[in-house]
Amino acid sequence: MLEATLRRVLRAFCGSDADISHANPLPVTSTAQAIDSGTATGGTNNTLVDTAKDWEVNMHEDAILEVAIGGIEYHRTITANDDDTLTFNALPGGVTVSLGDAYTIRRVVNPLSPLA
């Protein structure tokens, strides 16, 4: 009963030809919006330094770091930052951030959640 009612409401909202069911759910996805990027001036297996930046302390906490090292893109959760250094969950053994590594900081945005 509830499922049929919800299906009618969603069809009214999305259009009468919308086939929304358990087998064909409403496509809702989160996206990761780029909020900053740059080139590393150094780092370790769990830090990235960019001396060109002047971030507020912990402004990137819980954001996602994408960093390209040796042709491989790594994704890590940022656990803290200061004015020019990001700290994140450690990269695999032997992999470190080096001068010239490109990076992007992304914040996950859920289209169903209001912006804070």
C-alpha atoms as a PDB file:
ATOM      1  CA  MET A   1       0.000   0.000   0.000  1.00  0.00           C
ATOM      2  CA  LEU A   2       2.674   2.481   1.016  1.00  0.00           C
ATOM      3  CA  GLU A   3       4.859   1.513  -1.939  1.00  0.00           C
ATOM      4  CA  ALA A   4       1.993   2.074  -4.383  1.00  0.00           C
ATOM      5  CA  THR A   5       1.218   5.457  -2.830  1.00  0.00           C
ATOM      6  CA  LEU A   6       4.846   6.536  -3.015  1.00  0.00           C
ATOM      7  CA  ARG A   7       5.048   5.362  -6.618  1.00  0.00           C
ATOM      8  CA  ARG A   8       1.996   7.494  -7.514  1.00  0.00           C
ATOM      9  CA  VAL A   9       3.488  10.535  -5.776  1.00  0.00           C
ATOM     10  CA  LEU A  10       6.830  10.097  -7.538  1.00  0.00           C
ATOM     11  CA  ARG A  11       5.128   9.627 -10.909  1.00  0.00           C
ATOM     12  CA  ALA A  12       3.144  12.806 -10.332  1.00  0.00           C
ATOM     13  CA  PHE A  13       6.334  14.635  -9.405  1.00  0.00           C
ATOM     14  CA  CYS A  14       8.612  13.137 -12.097  1.00  0.00           C
ATOM     15  CA  GLY A  15       6.091  12.629 -14.888  1.00  0.00           C
ATOM     16  CA  SER A  16       3.407  10.063 -15.611  1.00  0.00           C
ATOM     17  CA  ASP A  17       5.750   7.846 -17.640  1.00  0.00           C
ATOM     18  CA  ALA A  18       8.347   7.551 -14.865  1.00  0.00           C
ATOM     19  CA  ASP A  19       8.847   3.898 -13.961  1.00  0.00           C
ATOM     20  CA  ILE A  20      10.215   4.167 -10.437  1.00  0.00           C
ATOM     21  CA  SER A  21      10.461   0.919  -8.514  1.00  0.00           C
ATOM     22  CA  HIS A  22      12.903  -1.191  -6.507  1.00  0.00           C
ATOM     23  CA  ALA A  23      14.282  -2.509  -9.806  1.00  0.00           C
ATOM     24  CA  ASN A  24      14.448   0.987 -11.330  1.00  0.00           C
ATOM     25  CA  PRO A  25      15.084   3.488  -8.491  1.00  0.00           C
ATOM     26  CA  LEU A  26      14.975   7.239  -8.783  1.00  0.00           C
ATOM     27  CA  PRO A  27      18.491   8.263  -9.863  1.00  0.00           C
ATOM     28  CA  VAL A  28      19.856  10.487  -7.114  1.00  0.00           C
ATOM     29  CA  THR A  29      23.605  10.810  -6.757  1.00  0.00           C
ATOM     30  CA  SER A  30      26.009  12.843  -4.734  1.00  0.00           C
ATOM     31  CA  THR A  31      28.620  14.872  -6.546  1.00  0.00           C
ATOM     32  CA  ALA A  32      32.015  16.070  -5.472  1.00  0.00           C
ATOM     33  CA  GLN A  33      32.439  19.764  -6.178  1.00  0.00           C
ATOM     34  CA  ALA A  34      35.994  21.077  -6.696  1.00  0.00           C
ATOM     35  CA  ILE A  35      36.727  23.787  -4.132  1.00  0.00           C
ATOM     36  CA  ASP A  36      40.485  24.267  -4.603  1.00  0.00           C
ATOM     37  CA  SER A  37      43.421  22.921  -6.583  1.00  0.00           C
ATOM     38  CA  GLY A  38      47.114  23.475  -7.043  1.00  0.00           C
ATOM     39  CA  THR A  39      50.553  21.944  -7.311  1.00  0.00           C
ATOM     40  CA  ALA A  40      52.355  20.466  -4.317  1.00  0.00           C
ATOM     41  CA  THR A  41      55.627  21.985  -3.177  1.00  0.00           C
ATOM     42  CA  GLY A  42      56.335  18.919  -1.037  1.00  0.00           C
ATOM     43  CA  GLY A  43      54.808  16.334   1.246  1.00  0.00           C
ATOM     44  CA  THR A  44      54.975  12.872   2.776  1.00  0.00           C
ATOM     45  CA  ASN A  45      52.788   9.765   2.634  1.00  0.00           C
ATOM     46  CA  ASN A  46      50.112  11.591   4.674  1.00  0.00           C
ATOM     47  CA  THR A  47      50.717  15.316   4.036  1.00  0.00           C
ATOM     48  CA  LEU A  48      50.666  17.658   1.063  1.00  0.00           C
ATOM     49  CA  VAL A  49      52.378  21.049   1.274  1.00  0.00           C
ATOM     50  CA  ASP A  50      51.556  23.957  -1.048  1.00  0.00           C
ATOM     51  CA  THR A  51      53.396  27.090   0.070  1.00  0.00           C
ATOM     52  CA  ALA A  52      51.316  29.194  -2.344  1.00  0.00           C
ATOM     53  CA  LYS A  53      48.223  28.639  -0.158  1.00  0.00           C
ATOM     54  CA  ASP A  54      47.012  30.448   2.955  1.00  0.00           C
ATOM     55  CA  TRP A  55      44.084  28.306   4.128  1.00  0.00           C
ATOM     56  CA  GLU A  56      42.112  28.773   7.333  1.00  0.00           C
ATOM     57  CA  VAL A  57      42.923  26.064   9.881  1.00  0.00           C
ATOM     58  CA  ASN A  58      40.805  22.927   9.273  1.00  0.00           C
ATOM     59  CA  MET A  59      38.696  24.527   6.543  1.00  0.00           C
ATOM     60  CA  HIS A  60      39.216  21.387   4.400  1.00  0.00           C
ATOM     61  CA  GLU A  61      38.619  18.815   7.157  1.00  0.00           C
ATOM     62  CA  ASP A  62      36.515  15.881   5.807  1.00  0.00           C
ATOM     63  CA  ALA A  63      36.940  17.033   2.191  1.00  0.00           C
ATOM     64  CA  ILE A  64      38.385  14.682  -0.425  1.00  0.00           C
ATOM     65  CA  LEU A  65      41.927  15.137  -1.733  1.00  0.00           C
ATOM     66  CA  GLU A  66      42.648  13.932  -5.270  1.00  0.00           C
ATOM     67  CA  VAL A  67      46.382  13.888  -5.934  1.00  0.00           C
ATOM     68  CA  ALA A  68      48.148  12.588  -9.045  1.00  0.00           C
ATOM     69  CA  ILE A  69      51.434  10.848  -8.247  1.00  0.00           C
ATOM     70  CA  GLY A  70      53.385   9.060 -10.953  1.00  0.00           C
ATOM     71  CA  GLY A  71      50.383   8.955 -13.278  1.00  0.00           C
ATOM     72  CA  ILE A  72      48.064   7.429 -10.652  1.00  0.00           C
ATOM     73  CA  GLU A  73      45.269   9.451  -9.040  1.00  0.00           C
ATOM     74  CA  TYR A  74      44.851   8.815  -5.321  1.00  0.00           C
ATOM     75  CA  HIS A  75      41.787   9.833  -3.293  1.00  0.00           C
ATOM     76  CA  ARG A  76      42.108  10.459   0.432  1.00  0.00           C
ATOM     77  CA  THR A  77      39.983  12.048   3.160  1.00  0.00           C
ATOM     78  CA  ILE A  78      41.549  15.193   4.584  1.00  0.00           C
ATOM     79  CA  THR A  79      41.743  14.925   8.375  1.00  0.00           C
ATOM     80  CA  ALA A  80      43.172  18.405   9.083  1.00  0.00           C
ATOM     81  CA  ASN A  81      44.933  21.357   7.513  1.00  0.00           C
ATOM     82  CA  ASP A  82      46.875  24.435   8.510  1.00  0.00           C
ATOM     83  CA  ASP A  83      47.786  27.449   6.382  1.00  0.00           C
ATOM     84  CA  ASP A  84      49.709  25.510   3.700  1.00  0.00           C
ATOM     85  CA  THR A  85      49.591  21.808   4.624  1.00  0.00           C
ATOM     86  CA  LEU A  86      46.875  19.166   4.194  1.00  0.00           C
ATOM     87  CA  THR A  87      46.945  16.084   6.418  1.00  0.00           C
ATOM     88  CA  PHE A  88      45.111  13.009   5.125  1.00  0.00           C
ATOM     89  CA  ASN A  89      44.757   9.240   5.489  1.00  0.00           C
ATOM     90  CA  ALA A  90      48.102   7.666   4.528  1.00  0.00           C
ATOM     91  CA  LEU A  91      48.923   6.691   0.957  1.00  0.00           C
ATOM     92  CA  PRO A  92      49.982   3.093   0.220  1.00  0.00           C
ATOM     93  CA  GLY A  93      53.496   2.041   1.258  1.00  0.00           C
ATOM     94  CA  GLY A  94      56.274   3.840  -0.575  1.00  0.00           C
ATOM     95  CA  VAL A  95      54.007   6.481  -2.170  1.00  0.00           C
ATOM     96  CA  THR A  96      54.693  10.087  -1.154  1.00  0.00           C
ATOM     97  CA  VAL A  97      53.601  13.504  -2.352  1.00  0.00           C
ATOM     98  CA  SER A  98      56.423  15.343  -4.130  1.00  0.00           C
ATOM     99  CA  LEU A  99      57.172  18.718  -5.687  1.00  0.00           C
ATOM    100  CA  GLY A 100      55.025  19.194  -8.793  1.00  0.00           C
ATOM    101  CA  ASP A 101      52.224  16.721  -7.972  1.00  0.00           C
ATOM    102  CA  ALA A 102      48.873  18.176  -9.080  1.00  0.00           C
ATOM    103  CA  TYR A 103      45.950  18.013  -6.660  1.00  0.00           C
ATOM    104  CA  THR A 104      42.286  18.953  -6.308  1.00  0.00           C
ATOM    105  CA  ILE A 105      40.244  19.326  -3.125  1.00  0.00           C
ATOM    106  CA  ARG A 106      36.605  18.298  -3.458  1.00  0.00           C
ATOM    107  CA  ARG A 107      33.640  18.585  -1.118  1.00  0.00           C
ATOM    108  CA  VAL A 108      30.822  16.059  -1.510  1.00  0.00           C
ATOM    109  CA  VAL A 109      27.492  17.752  -2.224  1.00  0.00           C
ATOM    110  CA  ASN A 110      24.268  15.803  -1.781  1.00  0.00           C
ATOM    111  CA  PRO A 111      21.503  17.328  -3.918  1.00  0.00           C
ATOM    112  CA  LEU A 112      18.901  16.311  -1.325  1.00  0.00           C
ATOM    113  CA  SER A 113      20.618  18.046   1.595  1.00  0.00           C
ATOM    114  CA  PRO A 114      20.406  21.784   2.216  1.00  0.00           C
ATOM    115  CA  LEU A 115      23.716  23.598   2.056  1.00  0.00           C
ATOM    116  CA  ALA A 116      25.147  24.535   5.416  1.00  0.00           C
END
